[in-house]
N, C-alpha and C. Protein backbone atom coordinates (compact mmCIF):
# COMPACT_ATOMS: atom_id res chain seq x y z
N UNK A 1 0.89 -1.23 0.27
CA UNK A 1 -0.20 0.12 0.38
C UNK A 1 0.86 1.41 0.32
N UNK A 2 2.11 1.26 0.65
CA UNK A 2 2.67 2.20 0.90
C UNK A 2 3.43 2.72 -0.47
N UNK A 3 3.99 1.73 -1.29
CA UNK A 3 4.17 2.02 -2.64
C UNK A 3 3.32 2.66 -3.75
N UNK A 4 2.38 2.38 -3.68
CA UNK A 4 1.15 2.65 -4.28
C UNK A 4 0.65 3.95 -4.01
N UNK A 5 0.88 4.31 -2.69
CA UNK A 5 0.34 5.77 -2.28
C UNK A 5 1.42 6.62 -2.47
N UNK A 6 2.92 6.07 -2.38
CA UNK A 6 4.01 7.05 -2.83
C UNK A 6 3.99 7.55 -4.03
N UNK A 7 3.58 6.42 -5.00
CA UNK A 7 3.52 6.86 -6.55
C UNK A 7 2.40 7.59 -7.01
N UNK A 8 1.00 7.42 -6.25
CA UNK A 8 0.06 8.33 -6.63
C UNK A 8 -0.03 9.66 -5.49
N UNK A 9 0.92 10.13 -4.75
CA UNK A 9 0.78 11.28 -4.31
C UNK A 9 1.62 12.32 -4.81
N UNK A 10 2.20 11.77 -6.08
CA UNK A 10 2.87 12.73 -6.63
C UNK A 10 1.92 13.70 -7.84
N UNK A 11 0.84 12.75 -8.02
CA UNK A 11 -0.34 13.60 -8.90
C UNK A 11 -1.59 13.66 -7.70
N UNK A 12 -1.90 13.28 -6.67
CA UNK A 12 -3.29 13.64 -6.05
C UNK A 12 -2.92 14.09 -4.74
N UNK A 13 -3.36 14.75 -4.22
CA UNK A 13 -3.42 15.74 -3.01
C UNK A 13 -3.56 14.39 -1.76
N UNK A 14 -2.84 14.71 -0.76
CA UNK A 14 -2.84 13.71 0.57
C UNK A 14 -4.16 13.55 1.00
N UNK A 15 -5.19 14.66 1.20
CA UNK A 15 -6.44 14.29 1.75
C UNK A 15 -7.45 13.59 0.68
N UNK A 16 -7.28 13.64 -0.58
CA UNK A 16 -7.74 12.78 -1.44
C UNK A 16 -7.40 11.19 -1.27
N UNK A 17 -5.95 11.26 -1.13
CA UNK A 17 -5.73 9.91 -0.89
C UNK A 17 -6.21 9.09 0.29
N UNK A 18 -5.98 9.76 1.26
CA UNK A 18 -6.62 9.51 2.78
C UNK A 18 -8.26 9.38 2.73
N UNK A 19 -9.02 10.02 1.91
CA UNK A 19 -10.51 9.85 1.60
C UNK A 19 -10.66 8.72 0.92
N UNK A 20 -10.09 8.39 -0.04
CA UNK A 20 -10.16 7.47 -0.97
C UNK A 20 -9.85 6.24 -0.37
N UNK A 21 -8.78 6.12 0.19
CA UNK A 21 -8.72 4.84 1.25
C UNK A 21 -9.62 4.47 2.17
N UNK A 22 -10.22 5.39 3.11
CA UNK A 22 -11.23 5.45 4.13
C UNK A 22 -12.51 4.59 3.45
N UNK A 23 -12.61 5.39 2.30
CA UNK A 23 -14.00 5.09 1.33
C UNK A 23 -14.21 3.75 1.24
N UNK A 24 -13.00 3.31 0.61
CA UNK A 24 -12.92 1.79 -0.24
C UNK A 24 -12.77 0.54 1.12
N UNK A 25 -12.12 1.21 2.36
CA UNK A 25 -12.07 0.09 3.43
C UNK A 25 -13.33 0.34 3.92
N UNK A 26 -14.04 1.49 4.12
CA UNK A 26 -15.57 1.28 4.78
C UNK A 26 -16.65 0.55 4.01
N UNK A 27 -16.26 0.48 2.32
CA UNK A 27 -17.29 -0.41 1.35
C UNK A 27 -16.93 -1.62 1.61
N UNK A 28 -15.48 -2.11 1.73
CA UNK A 28 -15.53 -3.60 1.85
C UNK A 28 -16.15 -3.89 3.29
N UNK A 29 -15.78 -3.15 4.28
CA UNK A 29 -16.40 -3.66 5.60
C UNK A 29 -17.75 -3.92 5.63
N UNK A 30 -18.47 -2.63 5.19
CA UNK A 30 -19.75 -2.72 5.08
C UNK A 30 -20.63 -3.78 4.35
N UNK A 31 -19.75 -4.28 3.44
CA UNK A 31 -20.47 -5.38 2.71
C UNK A 31 -20.04 -6.48 3.23
N UNK A 32 -19.16 -6.90 3.86
CA UNK A 32 -18.80 -8.23 4.71
C UNK A 32 -19.87 -8.18 5.74
N UNK A 33 -20.15 -6.97 6.89
CA UNK A 33 -21.10 -6.79 7.85
C UNK A 33 -22.41 -7.23 7.34
N UNK A 34 -22.76 -6.51 6.06
CA UNK A 34 -24.25 -6.81 5.98
C UNK A 34 -24.20 -8.44 5.41
N UNK A 35 -23.61 -8.76 5.12
CA UNK A 35 -23.31 -10.36 4.14
C UNK A 35 -23.63 -11.24 5.49
N UNK A 36 -22.84 -11.12 6.96
CA UNK A 36 -22.67 -11.80 7.95
C UNK A 36 -24.02 -11.48 8.58
N UNK A 37 -24.69 -10.21 8.33
CA UNK A 37 -25.76 -10.13 9.28
C UNK A 37 -25.38 -9.66 10.68
N UNK A 38 -24.24 -8.92 10.31
CA UNK A 38 -23.94 -8.08 12.01
C UNK A 38 -24.78 -7.08 12.05
N UNK A 39 -25.21 -6.64 13.44
CA UNK A 39 -25.95 -5.32 13.33
C UNK A 39 -25.12 -4.35 13.57
N UNK A 40 -24.81 -3.05 13.48
CA UNK A 40 -24.23 -1.97 13.30
C UNK A 40 -24.55 -1.43 14.67
N UNK A 41 -23.58 -1.57 15.80
CA UNK A 41 -23.67 -1.07 17.31
C UNK A 41 -22.57 -0.03 17.65
N UNK A 42 -22.76 1.07 18.13
CA UNK A 42 -21.62 1.44 18.77
C UNK A 42 -21.75 1.67 20.59
N UNK A 43 -20.70 1.09 20.83
CA UNK A 43 -20.43 1.08 22.29
C UNK A 43 -19.56 2.19 22.80
N UNK A 44 -19.58 2.82 23.54
CA UNK A 44 -18.81 3.85 24.28
C UNK A 44 -18.37 4.86 22.97
N UNK A 45 -19.18 5.67 22.57
CA UNK A 45 -19.27 6.37 21.55
C UNK A 45 -18.09 7.24 21.98
N UNK A 46 -17.58 8.20 22.73
CA UNK A 46 -16.34 8.99 23.26
C UNK A 46 -15.58 8.14 22.63
N UNK A 47 -15.04 6.94 23.28
CA UNK A 47 -13.82 6.20 23.08
C UNK A 47 -13.61 6.05 22.05
N UNK A 48 -14.69 5.77 20.90
CA UNK A 48 -14.72 5.24 19.53
C UNK A 48 -14.35 6.42 18.71
N UNK A 49 -15.13 7.87 18.97
CA UNK A 49 -14.88 9.16 18.24
C UNK A 49 -13.35 9.26 18.37
N UNK A 50 -12.67 9.27 19.81
CA UNK A 50 -11.43 9.69 20.30
C UNK A 50 -10.65 8.85 18.96
N UNK A 51 -10.86 7.49 18.94
CA UNK A 51 -9.90 6.27 18.36
C UNK A 51 -9.95 6.50 17.18
N UNK A 52 -11.21 6.97 16.36
CA UNK A 52 -11.47 7.17 15.26
C UNK A 52 -10.84 8.61 14.52
N UNK A 53 -10.48 9.62 15.50
CA UNK A 53 -9.86 10.99 15.25
C UNK A 53 -8.36 10.53 15.34
N UNK A 54 -7.61 9.64 16.12
CA UNK A 54 -6.55 9.28 16.33
C UNK A 54 -6.23 8.46 14.85
N UNK A 55 -6.80 7.71 14.77
CA UNK A 55 -6.30 6.91 13.45
C UNK A 55 -6.48 7.71 12.13
N UNK A 56 -7.37 8.51 11.80
CA UNK A 56 -7.43 9.40 10.58
C UNK A 56 -6.27 10.34 10.69
N UNK A 57 -5.89 10.78 11.72
CA UNK A 57 -4.84 11.69 11.73
C UNK A 57 -3.80 10.77 11.49
N UNK A 58 -3.36 9.64 12.13
CA UNK A 58 -2.35 8.91 12.04
C UNK A 58 -2.27 8.48 10.21
N UNK A 59 -3.10 7.98 9.78
CA UNK A 59 -3.28 7.64 8.11
C UNK A 59 -2.89 8.93 7.52
N UNK A 60 -3.25 10.04 7.78
CA UNK A 60 -2.94 11.39 7.06
C UNK A 60 -1.50 11.72 7.11
N UNK A 61 -0.98 11.74 8.53
CA UNK A 61 0.04 11.67 8.65
C UNK A 61 1.24 11.08 8.01
N UNK A 62 0.67 9.87 7.71
CA UNK A 62 1.52 8.55 7.27
C UNK A 62 1.77 8.75 5.75
N UNK A 63 0.64 9.25 4.89
CA UNK A 63 0.43 9.00 3.75
C UNK A 63 0.91 10.79 3.61
N UNK A 64 0.93 11.61 4.14
CA UNK A 64 1.92 12.90 3.98
C UNK A 64 3.24 12.73 4.13
N UNK A 65 3.87 11.72 5.10
CA UNK A 65 5.39 11.23 5.28
C UNK A 65 5.76 11.07 3.93
N UNK A 66 4.99 10.03 3.25
CA UNK A 66 5.11 9.18 1.84
C UNK A 66 5.47 9.76 0.76
N UNK A 67 4.53 11.44 0.59
CA UNK A 67 4.96 12.15 -0.16
C UNK A 67 6.46 13.08 0.03
N UNK A 68 6.54 13.40 1.58
CA UNK A 68 7.65 14.31 1.42
C UNK A 68 9.36 13.49 1.78
N UNK A 69 8.85 12.35 1.97
CA UNK A 69 10.47 11.45 2.38
C UNK A 69 10.44 10.18 1.54
N UNK A 70 11.78 9.56 1.73
CA UNK A 70 11.72 8.17 0.94
C UNK A 70 10.97 7.33 1.40
N UNK A 71 10.45 6.31 0.68
CA UNK A 71 9.29 5.34 0.72
C UNK A 71 10.03 4.41 2.32
N UNK A 72 11.13 4.17 1.89
CA UNK A 72 11.85 3.57 3.31
C UNK A 72 11.80 4.07 4.74
N UNK A 73 12.03 5.08 4.52
CA UNK A 73 12.07 5.93 5.88
C UNK A 73 10.70 6.18 6.43
N UNK A 74 9.49 6.34 5.63
CA UNK A 74 8.45 6.52 6.06
C UNK A 74 7.65 5.54 6.35
N UNK A 75 8.25 4.08 5.72
CA UNK A 75 7.60 2.75 6.27
C UNK A 75 8.34 2.42 7.91
N UNK A 76 9.57 2.65 7.76
CA UNK A 76 10.21 2.27 8.87
C UNK A 76 9.56 3.43 10.15
N UNK A 77 9.33 4.73 10.04
CA UNK A 77 8.69 5.55 11.07
C UNK A 77 7.36 4.68 11.38
N UNK A 78 6.80 4.37 10.34
CA UNK A 78 5.27 3.84 10.40
C UNK A 78 5.32 2.48 11.72
N UNK A 79 6.25 1.83 11.25
CA UNK A 79 6.40 0.46 12.00
C UNK A 79 7.19 0.50 13.39
N UNK A 80 7.79 1.57 13.70
CA UNK A 80 8.63 1.81 14.94
C UNK A 80 7.38 1.70 16.22
N UNK A 81 6.19 2.01 16.08
CA UNK A 81 5.30 2.34 16.75
C UNK A 81 5.08 1.29 17.89
């Protein structure tokens, strides 16, 4: 995914890359959820919201790093957490 994002980031803004990634992921998860018949439930909404915002910021910053520094450095920084 990192290599594809690095190649695409030369022509597409970071926000659009992140939005596309989230939209495709949501579509796949939603299709699997509906096929399995799992109801959509939200427990502990404040915790879910803060985790979602932190995850979105993390993905945005990773894609921004892919645009700004070499691929190997961005992947290394992403995996050192």
